[in-house]
Amino acid sequence: MEEIAKNITLYISHALEIISATIIAAALLKLVVNYFRSFIQTRNGLSAVDARVKFGSAVAVSLELLLGADVLATAVAPSWDDLGKLAAIAVLRTALNYFLERELKHSESPA
């Protein structure tokens, strides 16, 4: 039964990693398209700040998904080594997400 639970959580973890990579890839593609479109169209184009905010939001969502994937990957019978790695990853990703959200709020607020 433990093996089944471990396999299910690993599959879900891998699915979250794939979804996270897909979100970043789609946001990057949209950023590049809008960047080049801004050269062609001067009106109705996405400003650099808007593009940065949208891409940053996608990265923030991806960081949260990746943290969830890491938690799931170590959920079933983790070793102390696995827990230590998870703690380090959680701290780093949470700090990255905090500062990214702070930067996005600063970019969205009127100057």
PDB file of N, CA and C in Angstrom:
ATOM      1  N   MET A   1       0.823  -1.192   0.000  1.00  0.00           N
ATOM      2  CA  MET A   1       0.000   0.000   0.000  1.00  0.00           C
ATOM      3  C   MET A   1       0.873   1.264   0.000  1.00  0.00           C
ATOM      4  N   GLU A   2       1.970   1.223   0.754  1.00  0.00           N
ATOM      5  CA  GLU A   2       2.880   2.367   0.794  1.00  0.00           C
ATOM      6  C   GLU A   2       3.510   2.612  -0.569  1.00  0.00           C
ATOM      7  N   GLU A   3       3.809   1.537  -1.273  1.00  0.00           N
ATOM      8  CA  GLU A   3       4.409   1.659  -2.606  1.00  0.00           C
ATOM      9  C   GLU A   3       3.428   2.310  -3.589  1.00  0.00           C
ATOM     10  N   ILE A   4       2.158   1.956  -3.486  1.00  0.00           N
ATOM     11  CA  ILE A   4       1.143   2.552  -4.353  1.00  0.00           C
ATOM     12  C   ILE A   4       1.021   4.052  -4.069  1.00  0.00           C
ATOM     13  N   ALA A   5       0.977   4.401  -2.787  1.00  0.00           N
ATOM     14  CA  ALA A   5       0.889   5.816  -2.400  1.00  0.00           C
ATOM     15  C   ALA A   5       2.110   6.581  -2.890  1.00  0.00           C
ATOM     16  N   LYS A   6       3.284   5.963  -2.769  1.00  0.00           N
ATOM     17  CA  LYS A   6       4.509   6.619  -3.226  1.00  0.00           C
ATOM     18  C   LYS A   6       4.478   6.852  -4.734  1.00  0.00           C
ATOM     19  N   ASN A   7       4.024   5.848  -5.483  1.00  0.00           N
ATOM     20  CA  ASN A   7       3.947   5.995  -6.944  1.00  0.00           C
ATOM     21  C   ASN A   7       2.951   7.071  -7.353  1.00  0.00           C
ATOM     22  N   ILE A   8       1.791   7.103  -6.687  1.00  0.00           N
ATOM     23  CA  ILE A   8       0.780   8.111  -7.024  1.00  0.00           C
ATOM     24  C   ILE A   8       1.310   9.511  -6.747  1.00  0.00           C
ATOM     25  N   THR A   9       1.933   9.704  -5.583  1.00  0.00           N
ATOM     26  CA  THR A   9       2.450  11.037  -5.253  1.00  0.00           C
ATOM     27  C   THR A   9       3.585  11.435  -6.196  1.00  0.00           C
ATOM     28  N   LEU A  10       4.396  10.476  -6.604  1.00  0.00           N
ATOM     29  CA  LEU A  10       5.461  10.798  -7.559  1.00  0.00           C
ATOM     30  C   LEU A  10       4.904  11.182  -8.920  1.00  0.00           C
ATOM     31  N   TYR A  11       3.851  10.476  -9.378  1.00  0.00           N
ATOM     32  CA  TYR A  11       3.231  10.833 -10.654  1.00  0.00           C
ATOM     33  C   TYR A  11       2.612  12.228 -10.591  1.00  0.00           C
ATOM     34  N   ILE A  12       1.942  12.527  -9.493  1.00  0.00           N
ATOM     35  CA  ILE A  12       1.349  13.860  -9.336  1.00  0.00           C
ATOM     36  C   ILE A  12       2.442  14.915  -9.271  1.00  0.00           C
ATOM     37  N   SER A  13       3.521  14.604  -8.570  1.00  0.00           N
ATOM     38  CA  SER A  13       4.652  15.530  -8.469  1.00  0.00           C
ATOM     39  C   SER A  13       5.245  15.817  -9.842  1.00  0.00           C
ATOM     40  N   HIS A  14       5.440  14.788 -10.637  1.00  0.00           N
ATOM     41  CA  HIS A  14       5.972  14.976 -11.989  1.00  0.00           C
ATOM     42  C   HIS A  14       4.995  15.762 -12.859  1.00  0.00           C
ATOM     43  N   ALA A  15       3.689  15.498 -12.686  1.00  0.00           N
ATOM     44  CA  ALA A  15       2.688  16.239 -13.448  1.00  0.00           C
ATOM     45  C   ALA A  15       2.747  17.729 -13.084  1.00  0.00           C
ATOM     46  N   LEU A  16       2.907  18.044 -11.800  1.00  0.00           N
ATOM     47  CA  LEU A  16       3.020  19.438 -11.382  1.00  0.00           C
ATOM     48  C   LEU A  16       4.267  20.098 -11.971  1.00  0.00           C
ATOM     49  N   GLU A  17       5.361  19.361 -12.027  1.00  0.00           N
ATOM     50  CA  GLU A  17       6.582  19.908 -12.624  1.00  0.00           C
ATOM     51  C   GLU A  17       6.384  20.200 -14.114  1.00  0.00           C
ATOM     52  N   ILE A  18       5.693  19.308 -14.810  1.00  0.00           N
ATOM     53  CA  ILE A  18       5.417  19.514 -16.231  1.00  0.00           C
ATOM     54  C   ILE A  18       4.490  20.707 -16.430  1.00  0.00           C
ATOM     55  N   ILE A  19       3.460  20.812 -15.601  1.00  0.00           N
ATOM     56  CA  ILE A  19       2.542  21.950 -15.688  1.00  0.00           C
ATOM     57  C   ILE A  19       3.289  23.250 -15.431  1.00  0.00           C
ATOM     58  N   SER A  20       4.166  23.246 -14.442  1.00  0.00           N
ATOM     59  CA  SER A  20       4.951  24.436 -14.111  1.00  0.00           C
ATOM     60  C   SER A  20       5.837  24.848 -15.288  1.00  0.00           C
ATOM     61  N   ALA A  21       6.502  23.894 -15.894  1.00  0.00           N
ATOM     62  CA  ALA A  21       7.353  24.191 -17.049  1.00  0.00           C
ATOM     63  C   ALA A  21       6.519  24.696 -18.220  1.00  0.00           C
ATOM     64  N   THR A  22       5.326  24.149 -18.394  1.00  0.00           N
ATOM     65  CA  THR A  22       4.441  24.588 -19.468  1.00  0.00           C
ATOM     66  C   THR A  22       3.979  26.028 -19.249  1.00  0.00           C
ATOM     67  N   ILE A  23       3.675  26.367 -18.005  1.00  0.00           N
ATOM     68  CA  ILE A  23       3.258  27.738 -17.688  1.00  0.00           C
ATOM     69  C   ILE A  23       4.376  28.721 -18.008  1.00  0.00           C
ATOM     70  N   ILE A  24       5.591  28.386 -17.597  1.00  0.00           N
ATOM     71  CA  ILE A  24       6.720  29.281 -17.875  1.00  0.00           C
ATOM     72  C   ILE A  24       6.975  29.372 -19.380  1.00  0.00           C
ATOM     73  N   ALA A  25       6.902  28.251 -20.076  1.00  0.00           N
ATOM     74  CA  ALA A  25       7.130  28.264 -21.529  1.00  0.00           C
ATOM     75  C   ALA A  25       6.076  29.108 -22.239  1.00  0.00           C
ATOM     76  N   ALA A  26       4.809  28.963 -21.849  1.00  0.00           N
ATOM     77  CA  ALA A  26       3.742  29.747 -22.473  1.00  0.00           C
ATOM     78  C   ALA A  26       3.913  31.237 -22.171  1.00  0.00           C
ATOM     79  N   ALA A  27       4.265  31.549 -20.929  1.00  0.00           N
ATOM     80  CA  ALA A  27       4.470  32.957 -20.561  1.00  0.00           C
ATOM     81  C   ALA A  27       5.667  33.541 -21.296  1.00  0.00           C
ATOM     82  N   LEU A  28       6.723  32.761 -21.461  1.00  0.00           N
ATOM     83  CA  LEU A  28       7.895  33.225 -22.193  1.00  0.00           C
ATOM     84  C   LEU A  28       7.561  33.457 -23.662  1.00  0.00           C
ATOM     85  N   LEU A  29       6.825  32.545 -24.247  1.00  0.00           N
ATOM     86  CA  LEU A  29       6.413  32.706 -25.640  1.00  0.00           C
ATOM     87  C   LEU A  29       5.554  33.960 -25.811  1.00  0.00           C
ATOM     88  N   LYS A  30       4.614  34.156 -24.900  1.00  0.00           N
ATOM     89  CA  LYS A  30       3.760  35.341 -24.952  1.00  0.00           C
ATOM     90  C   LYS A  30       4.578  36.609 -24.765  1.00  0.00           C
ATOM     91  N   LEU A  31       5.551  36.574 -23.872  1.00  0.00           N
ATOM     92  CA  LEU A  31       6.423  37.731 -23.640  1.00  0.00           C
ATOM     93  C   LEU A  31       7.207  38.075 -24.901  1.00  0.00           C
ATOM     94  N   VAL A  32       7.771  37.083 -25.554  1.00  0.00           N
ATOM     95  CA  VAL A  32       8.561  37.319 -26.765  1.00  0.00           C
ATOM     96  C   VAL A  32       7.671  37.855 -27.889  1.00  0.00           C
ATOM     97  N   VAL A  33       6.492  37.262 -28.071  1.00  0.00           N
ATOM     98  CA  VAL A  33       5.574  37.720 -29.115  1.00  0.00           C
ATOM     99  C   VAL A  33       5.160  39.165 -28.861  1.00  0.00           C
ATOM    100  N   ASN A  34       4.794  39.474 -27.622  1.00  0.00           N
ATOM    101  CA  ASN A  34       4.384  40.845 -27.299  1.00  0.00           C
ATOM    102  C   ASN A  34       5.544  41.822 -27.410  1.00  0.00           C
ATOM    103  N   TYR A  35       6.737  41.377 -27.101  1.00  0.00           N
ATOM    104  CA  TYR A  35       7.913  42.236 -27.211  1.00  0.00           C
ATOM    105  C   TYR A  35       8.149  42.638 -28.666  1.00  0.00           C
ATOM    106  N   PHE A  36       8.113  41.651 -29.569  1.00  0.00           N
ATOM    107  CA  PHE A  36       8.320  41.963 -30.977  1.00  0.00           C
ATOM    108  C   PHE A  36       7.127  42.701 -31.580  1.00  0.00           C
ATOM    109  N   ARG A  37       5.934  42.415 -31.081  1.00  0.00           N
ATOM    110  CA  ARG A  37       4.746  43.120 -31.555  1.00  0.00           C
ATOM    111  C   ARG A  37       4.800  44.596 -31.152  1.00  0.00           C
ATOM    112  N   SER A  38       5.421  44.898 -30.028  1.00  0.00           N
ATOM    113  CA  SER A  38       5.512  46.289 -29.582  1.00  0.00           C
ATOM    114  C   SER A  38       6.378  47.123 -30.531  1.00  0.00           C
ATOM    115  N   PHE A  39       7.311  46.487 -31.227  1.00  0.00           N
ATOM    116  CA  PHE A  39       8.100  47.210 -32.229  1.00  0.00           C
ATOM    117  C   PHE A  39       7.265  47.557 -33.461  1.00  0.00           C
ATOM    118  N   ILE A  40       6.350  46.669 -33.821  1.00  0.00           N
ATOM    119  CA  ILE A  40       5.526  46.876 -35.008  1.00  0.00           C
ATOM    120  C   ILE A  40       4.402  47.858 -34.719  1.00  0.00           C
ATOM    121  N   GLN A  41       3.724  47.667 -33.608  1.00  0.00           N
ATOM    122  CA  GLN A  41       2.605  48.527 -33.244  1.00  0.00           C
ATOM    123  C   GLN A  41       3.032  49.438 -32.099  1.00  0.00           C
ATOM    124  N   THR A  42       2.850  50.712 -32.296  1.00  0.00           N
ATOM    125  CA  THR A  42       3.165  51.629 -31.201  1.00  0.00           C
ATOM    126  C   THR A  42       1.961  51.806 -30.294  1.00  0.00           C
ATOM    127  N   ARG A  43       0.761  51.656 -30.819  1.00  0.00           N
ATOM    128  CA  ARG A  43      -0.446  51.764 -30.007  1.00  0.00           C
ATOM    129  C   ARG A  43      -0.972  50.375 -29.662  1.00  0.00           C
ATOM    130  N   ASN A  44      -1.668  50.288 -28.572  1.00  0.00           N
ATOM    131  CA  ASN A  44      -2.307  49.062 -28.099  1.00  0.00           C
ATOM    132  C   ASN A  44      -1.310  47.939 -27.819  1.00  0.00           C
ATOM    133  N   GLY A  45      -0.051  48.264 -27.752  1.00  0.00           N
ATOM    134  CA  GLY A  45       0.935  47.257 -27.424  1.00  0.00           C
ATOM    135  C   GLY A  45       1.106  47.135 -25.913  1.00  0.00           C
ATOM    136  N   LEU A  46       1.663  46.071 -25.492  1.00  0.00           N
ATOM    137  CA  LEU A  46       1.921  45.839 -24.083  1.00  0.00           C
ATOM    138  C   LEU A  46       3.171  46.600 -23.694  1.00  0.00           C
ATOM    139  N   SER A  47       3.097  47.363 -22.624  1.00  0.00           N
ATOM    140  CA  SER A  47       4.288  48.086 -22.195  1.00  0.00           C
ATOM    141  C   SER A  47       5.267  47.103 -21.554  1.00  0.00           C
ATOM    142  N   ALA A  48       6.485  47.542 -21.396  1.00  0.00           N
ATOM    143  CA  ALA A  48       7.515  46.681 -20.805  1.00  0.00           C
ATOM    144  C   ALA A  48       7.147  46.296 -19.378  1.00  0.00           C
ATOM    145  N   VAL A  49       6.573  47.239 -18.649  1.00  0.00           N
ATOM    146  CA  VAL A  49       6.183  46.950 -17.259  1.00  0.00           C
ATOM    147  C   VAL A  49       5.055  45.937 -17.218  1.00  0.00           C
ATOM    148  N   ASP A  50       4.057  46.099 -18.101  1.00  0.00           N
ATOM    149  CA  ASP A  50       2.950  45.145 -18.150  1.00  0.00           C
ATOM    150  C   ASP A  50       3.438  43.743 -18.512  1.00  0.00           C
ATOM    151  N   ALA A  51       4.318  43.676 -19.476  1.00  0.00           N
ATOM    152  CA  ALA A  51       4.859  42.382 -19.893  1.00  0.00           C
ATOM    153  C   ALA A  51       5.641  41.741 -18.755  1.00  0.00           C
ATOM    154  N   ARG A  52       6.418  42.557 -18.039  1.00  0.00           N
ATOM    155  CA  ARG A  52       7.198  42.056 -16.905  1.00  0.00           C
ATOM    156  C   ARG A  52       6.295  41.537 -15.789  1.00  0.00           C
ATOM    157  N   VAL A  53       5.216  42.254 -15.527  1.00  0.00           N
ATOM    158  CA  VAL A  53       4.279  41.852 -14.475  1.00  0.00           C
ATOM    159  C   VAL A  53       3.594  40.539 -14.845  1.00  0.00           C
ATOM    160  N   LYS A  54       3.163  40.418 -16.090  1.00  0.00           N
ATOM    161  CA  LYS A  54       2.504  39.179 -16.519  1.00  0.00           C
ATOM    162  C   LYS A  54       3.463  37.993 -16.470  1.00  0.00           C
ATOM    163  N   PHE A  55       4.684  38.192 -16.927  1.00  0.00           N
ATOM    164  CA  PHE A  55       5.658  37.101 -16.881  1.00  0.00           C
ATOM    165  C   PHE A  55       6.023  36.769 -15.434  1.00  0.00           C
ATOM    166  N   GLY A  56       6.201  37.786 -14.619  1.00  0.00           N
ATOM    167  CA  GLY A  56       6.511  37.556 -13.207  1.00  0.00           C
ATOM    168  C   GLY A  56       5.408  36.810 -12.488  1.00  0.00           C
ATOM    169  N   SER A  57       4.160  37.109 -12.831  1.00  0.00           N
ATOM    170  CA  SER A  57       3.033  36.397 -12.229  1.00  0.00           C
ATOM    171  C   SER A  57       3.059  34.916 -12.615  1.00  0.00           C
ATOM    172  N   ALA A  58       3.395  34.639 -13.859  1.00  0.00           N
ATOM    173  CA  ALA A  58       3.489  33.243 -14.298  1.00  0.00           C
ATOM    174  C   ALA A  58       4.623  32.523 -13.570  1.00  0.00           C
ATOM    175  N   VAL A  59       5.740  33.201 -13.374  1.00  0.00           N
ATOM    176  CA  VAL A  59       6.858  32.598 -12.649  1.00  0.00           C
ATOM    177  C   VAL A  59       6.469  32.336 -11.197  1.00  0.00           C
ATOM    178  N   ALA A  60       5.730  33.256 -10.587  1.00  0.00           N
ATOM    179  CA  ALA A  60       5.287  33.075  -9.201  1.00  0.00           C
ATOM    180  C   ALA A  60       4.377  31.853  -9.071  1.00  0.00           C
ATOM    181  N   VAL A  61       3.453  31.692 -10.006  1.00  0.00           N
ATOM    182  CA  VAL A  61       2.575  30.519  -9.983  1.00  0.00           C
ATOM    183  C   VAL A  61       3.401  29.246 -10.158  1.00  0.00           C
ATOM    184  N   SER A  62       4.368  29.295 -11.055  1.00  0.00           N
ATOM    185  CA  SER A  62       5.222  28.124 -11.289  1.00  0.00           C
ATOM    186  C   SER A  62       6.037  27.764 -10.055  1.00  0.00           C
ATOM    187  N   LEU A  63       6.545  28.768  -9.356  1.00  0.00           N
ATOM    188  CA  LEU A  63       7.291  28.498  -8.123  1.00  0.00           C
ATOM    189  C   LEU A  63       6.413  27.808  -7.081  1.00  0.00           C
ATOM    190  N   GLU A  64       5.172  28.241  -6.968  1.00  0.00           N
ATOM    191  CA  GLU A  64       4.260  27.613  -6.021  1.00  0.00           C
ATOM    192  C   GLU A  64       3.964  26.168  -6.416  1.00  0.00           C
ATOM    193  N   LEU A  65       3.773  25.931  -7.714  1.00  0.00           N
ATOM    194  CA  LEU A  65       3.532  24.562  -8.173  1.00  0.00           C
ATOM    195  C   LEU A  65       4.747  23.676  -7.925  1.00  0.00           C
ATOM    196  N   LEU A  66       5.941  24.215  -8.168  1.00  0.00           N
ATOM    197  CA  LEU A  66       7.152  23.429  -7.949  1.00  0.00           C
ATOM    198  C   LEU A  66       7.354  23.109  -6.472  1.00  0.00           C
ATOM    199  N   LEU A  67       7.000  24.043  -5.603  1.00  0.00           N
ATOM    200  CA  LEU A  67       7.097  23.771  -4.168  1.00  0.00           C
ATOM    201  C   LEU A  67       6.126  22.658  -3.779  1.00  0.00           C
ATOM    202  N   GLY A  68       4.916  22.719  -4.324  1.00  0.00           N
ATOM    203  CA  GLY A  68       3.954  21.647  -4.074  1.00  0.00           C
ATOM    204  C   GLY A  68       4.445  20.303  -4.597  1.00  0.00           C
ATOM    205  N   ALA A  69       5.090  20.320  -5.745  1.00  0.00           N
ATOM    206  CA  ALA A  69       5.643  19.082  -6.311  1.00  0.00           C
ATOM    207  C   ALA A  69       6.734  18.517  -5.414  1.00  0.00           C
ATOM    208  N   ASP A  70       7.579  19.389  -4.860  1.00  0.00           N
ATOM    209  CA  ASP A  70       8.636  18.919  -3.961  1.00  0.00           C
ATOM    210  C   ASP A  70       8.070  18.352  -2.671  1.00  0.00           C
ATOM    211  N   VAL A  71       7.024  18.973  -2.155  1.00  0.00           N
ATOM    212  CA  VAL A  71       6.389  18.460  -0.939  1.00  0.00           C
ATOM    213  C   VAL A  71       5.801  17.083  -1.208  1.00  0.00           C
ATOM    214  N   LEU A  72       5.113  16.935  -2.341  1.00  0.00           N
ATOM    215  CA  LEU A  72       4.539  15.628  -2.676  1.00  0.00           C
ATOM    216  C   LEU A  72       5.613  14.564  -2.877  1.00  0.00           C
ATOM    217  N   ALA A  73       6.723  14.944  -3.490  1.00  0.00           N
ATOM    218  CA  ALA A  73       7.779  13.973  -3.770  1.00  0.00           C
ATOM    219  C   ALA A  73       8.387  13.415  -2.481  1.00  0.00           C
ATOM    220  N   THR A  74       8.333  14.178  -1.413  1.00  0.00           N
ATOM    221  CA  THR A  74       8.902  13.693  -0.148  1.00  0.00           C
ATOM    222  C   THR A  74       7.830  13.344   0.873  1.00  0.00           C
ATOM    223  N   ALA A  75       6.564  13.267   0.459  1.00  0.00           N
ATOM    224  CA  ALA A  75       5.461  13.057   1.402  1.00  0.00           C
ATOM    225  C   ALA A  75       5.413  11.645   1.971  1.00  0.00           C
ATOM    226  N   VAL A  76       5.775  10.669   1.187  1.00  0.00           N
ATOM    227  CA  VAL A  76       5.634   9.288   1.634  1.00  0.00           C
ATOM    228  C   VAL A  76       6.978   8.762   2.124  1.00  0.00           C
ATOM    229  N   ALA A  77       7.057   8.486   3.405  1.00  0.00           N
ATOM    230  CA  ALA A  77       8.235   7.898   4.056  1.00  0.00           C
ATOM    231  C   ALA A  77       9.540   8.624   3.708  1.00  0.00           C
ATOM    232  N   PRO A  78       9.637   9.895   4.047  1.00  0.00           N
ATOM    233  CA  PRO A  78      10.873  10.620   3.732  1.00  0.00           C
ATOM    234  C   PRO A  78      11.988  10.295   4.722  1.00  0.00           C
ATOM    235  N   SER A  79      13.206  10.393   4.248  1.00  0.00           N
ATOM    236  CA  SER A  79      14.354  10.247   5.141  1.00  0.00           C
ATOM    237  C   SER A  79      14.704  11.631   5.683  1.00  0.00           C
ATOM    238  N   TRP A  80      15.617  11.671   6.659  1.00  0.00           N
ATOM    239  CA  TRP A  80      16.040  12.959   7.205  1.00  0.00           C
ATOM    240  C   TRP A  80      16.750  13.789   6.137  1.00  0.00           C
ATOM    241  N   ASP A  81      17.469  13.109   5.260  1.00  0.00           N
ATOM    242  CA  ASP A  81      18.138  13.798   4.167  1.00  0.00           C
ATOM    243  C   ASP A  81      17.114  14.443   3.230  1.00  0.00           C
ATOM    244  N   ASP A  82      16.046  13.701   2.918  1.00  0.00           N
ATOM    245  CA  ASP A  82      14.979  14.236   2.066  1.00  0.00           C
ATOM    246  C   ASP A  82      14.303  15.442   2.712  1.00  0.00           C
ATOM    247  N   LEU A  83      14.074  15.360   4.030  1.00  0.00           N
ATOM    248  CA  LEU A  83      13.438  16.474   4.730  1.00  0.00           C
ATOM    249  C   LEU A  83      14.334  17.714   4.755  1.00  0.00           C
ATOM    250  N   GLY A  84      15.634  17.498   4.912  1.00  0.00           N
ATOM    251  CA  GLY A  84      16.568  18.621   4.893  1.00  0.00           C
ATOM    252  C   GLY A  84      16.597  19.310   3.536  1.00  0.00           C
ATOM    253  N   LYS A  85      16.628  18.492   2.478  1.00  0.00           N
ATOM    254  CA  LYS A  85      16.597  19.059   1.127  1.00  0.00           C
ATOM    255  C   LYS A  85      15.296  19.808   0.877  1.00  0.00           C
ATOM    256  N   LEU A  86      14.183  19.237   1.318  1.00  0.00           N
ATOM    257  CA  LEU A  86      12.890  19.886   1.150  1.00  0.00           C
ATOM    258  C   LEU A  86      12.851  21.213   1.896  1.00  0.00           C
ATOM    259  N   ALA A  87      13.388  21.246   3.104  1.00  0.00           N
ATOM    260  CA  ALA A  87      13.405  22.489   3.878  1.00  0.00           C
ATOM    261  C   ALA A  87      14.220  23.566   3.163  1.00  0.00           C
ATOM    262  N   ALA A  88      15.378  23.191   2.643  1.00  0.00           N
ATOM    263  CA  ALA A  88      16.214  24.163   1.929  1.00  0.00           C
ATOM    264  C   ALA A  88      15.515  24.667   0.675  1.00  0.00           C
ATOM    265  N   ILE A  89      14.921  23.761  -0.079  1.00  0.00           N
ATOM    266  CA  ILE A  89      14.205  24.143  -1.293  1.00  0.00           C
ATOM    267  C   ILE A  89      13.009  25.021  -0.945  1.00  0.00           C
ATOM    268  N   ALA A  90      12.274  24.661   0.102  1.00  0.00           N
ATOM    269  CA  ALA A  90      11.102  25.440   0.500  1.00  0.00           C
ATOM    270  C   ALA A  90      11.495  26.856   0.896  1.00  0.00           C
ATOM    271  N   VAL A  91      12.574  26.986   1.648  1.00  0.00           N
ATOM    272  CA  VAL A  91      13.025  28.318   2.064  1.00  0.00           C
ATOM    273  C   VAL A  91      13.432  29.147   0.849  1.00  0.00           C
ATOM    274  N   LEU A  92      14.207  28.550  -0.045  1.00  0.00           N
ATOM    275  CA  LEU A  92      14.652  29.286  -1.234  1.00  0.00           C
ATOM    276  C   LEU A  92      13.488  29.688  -2.141  1.00  0.00           C
ATOM    277  N   ARG A  93      12.597  28.766  -2.415  1.00  0.00           N
ATOM    278  CA  ARG A  93      11.478  29.071  -3.312  1.00  0.00           C
ATOM    279  C   ARG A  93      10.504  30.049  -2.679  1.00  0.00           C
ATOM    280  N   THR A  94      10.292  29.931  -1.368  1.00  0.00           N
ATOM    281  CA  THR A  94       9.413  30.870  -0.692  1.00  0.00           C
ATOM    282  C   THR A  94      10.019  32.267  -0.691  1.00  0.00           C
ATOM    283  N   ALA A  95      11.315  32.360  -0.459  1.00  0.00           N
ATOM    284  CA  ALA A  95      11.986  33.666  -0.499  1.00  0.00           C
ATOM    285  C   ALA A  95      11.931  34.259  -1.899  1.00  0.00           C
ATOM    286  N   LEU A  96      12.191  33.449  -2.909  1.00  0.00           N
ATOM    287  CA  LEU A  96      12.098  33.931  -4.291  1.00  0.00           C
ATOM    288  C   LEU A  96      10.697  34.432  -4.605  1.00  0.00           C
ATOM    289  N   ASN A  97       9.708  33.663  -4.195  1.00  0.00           N
ATOM    290  CA  ASN A  97       8.328  34.045  -4.458  1.00  0.00           C
ATOM    291  C   ASN A  97       7.954  35.321  -3.705  1.00  0.00           C
ATOM    292  N   TYR A  98       8.406  35.458  -2.470  1.00  0.00           N
ATOM    293  CA  TYR A  98       8.124  36.657  -1.678  1.00  0.00           C
ATOM    294  C   TYR A  98       8.689  37.901  -2.356  1.00  0.00           C
ATOM    295  N   PHE A  99       9.960  37.839  -2.730  1.00  0.00           N
ATOM    296  CA  PHE A  99      10.578  39.010  -3.354  1.00  0.00           C
ATOM    297  C   PHE A  99      10.007  39.283  -4.748  1.00  0.00           C
ATOM    298  N   LEU A 100       9.634  38.229  -5.471  1.00  0.00           N
ATOM    299  CA  LEU A 100       9.005  38.413  -6.776  1.00  0.00           C
ATOM    300  C   LEU A 100       7.645  39.089  -6.617  1.00  0.00           C
ATOM    301  N   GLU A 101       6.841  38.632  -5.664  1.00  0.00           N
ATOM    302  CA  GLU A 101       5.535  39.248  -5.422  1.00  0.00           C
ATOM    303  C   GLU A 101       5.698  40.701  -4.983  1.00  0.00           C
ATOM    304  N   ARG A 102       6.691  40.958  -4.167  1.00  0.00           N
ATOM    305  CA  ARG A 102       6.952  42.329  -3.716  1.00  0.00           C
ATOM    306  C   ARG A 102       7.315  43.228  -4.904  1.00  0.00           C
ATOM    307  N   GLU A 103       8.157  42.718  -5.788  1.00  0.00           N
ATOM    308  CA  GLU A 103       8.562  43.465  -6.973  1.00  0.00           C
ATOM    309  C   GLU A 103       7.370  43.694  -7.911  1.00  0.00           C
ATOM    310  N   LEU A 104       6.511  42.687  -8.041  1.00  0.00           N
ATOM    311  CA  LEU A 104       5.343  42.824  -8.900  1.00  0.00           C
ATOM    312  C   LEU A 104       4.371  43.861  -8.334  1.00  0.00           C
ATOM    313  N   LYS A 105       4.169  43.869  -7.026  1.00  0.00           N
ATOM    314  CA  LYS A 105       3.299  44.880  -6.419  1.00  0.00           C
ATOM    315  C   LYS A 105       3.885  46.261  -6.600  1.00  0.00           C
ATOM    316  N   HIS A 106       5.195  46.370  -6.494  1.00  0.00           N
ATOM    317  CA  HIS A 106       5.859  47.661  -6.688  1.00  0.00           C
ATOM    318  C   HIS A 106       5.698  48.121  -8.140  1.00  0.00           C
ATOM    319  N   SER A 107       5.774  47.198  -9.087  1.00  0.00           N
ATOM    320  CA  SER A 107       5.634  47.537 -10.504  1.00  0.00           C
ATOM    321  C   SER A 107       4.204  47.921 -10.858  1.00  0.00           C
ATOM    322  N   GLU A 108       3.235  47.293 -10.195  1.00  0.00           N
ATOM    323  CA  GLU A 108       1.833  47.565 -10.496  1.00  0.00           C
ATOM    324  C   GLU A 108       1.353  48.867  -9.882  1.00  0.00           C
ATOM    325  N   SER A 109       1.958  49.294  -8.777  1.00  0.00           N
ATOM    326  CA  SER A 109       1.490  50.503  -8.101  1.00  0.00           C
ATOM    327  C   SER A 109       1.864  51.730  -8.921  1.00  0.00           C
ATOM    328  N   PRO A 110       0.980  52.728  -8.938  1.00  0.00           N
ATOM    329  CA  PRO A 110       1.271  53.925  -9.720  1.00  0.00           C
ATOM    330  C   PRO A 110       2.439  54.691  -9.131  1.00  0.00           C
ATOM    331  N   ALA A 111       3.252  55.243  -9.998  1.00  0.00           N
ATOM    332  CA  ALA A 111       4.461  55.953  -9.549  1.00  0.00           C
ATOM    333  C   ALA A 111       4.150  57.364  -9.112  1.00  0.00           C
TER     334      ALA A 111
END
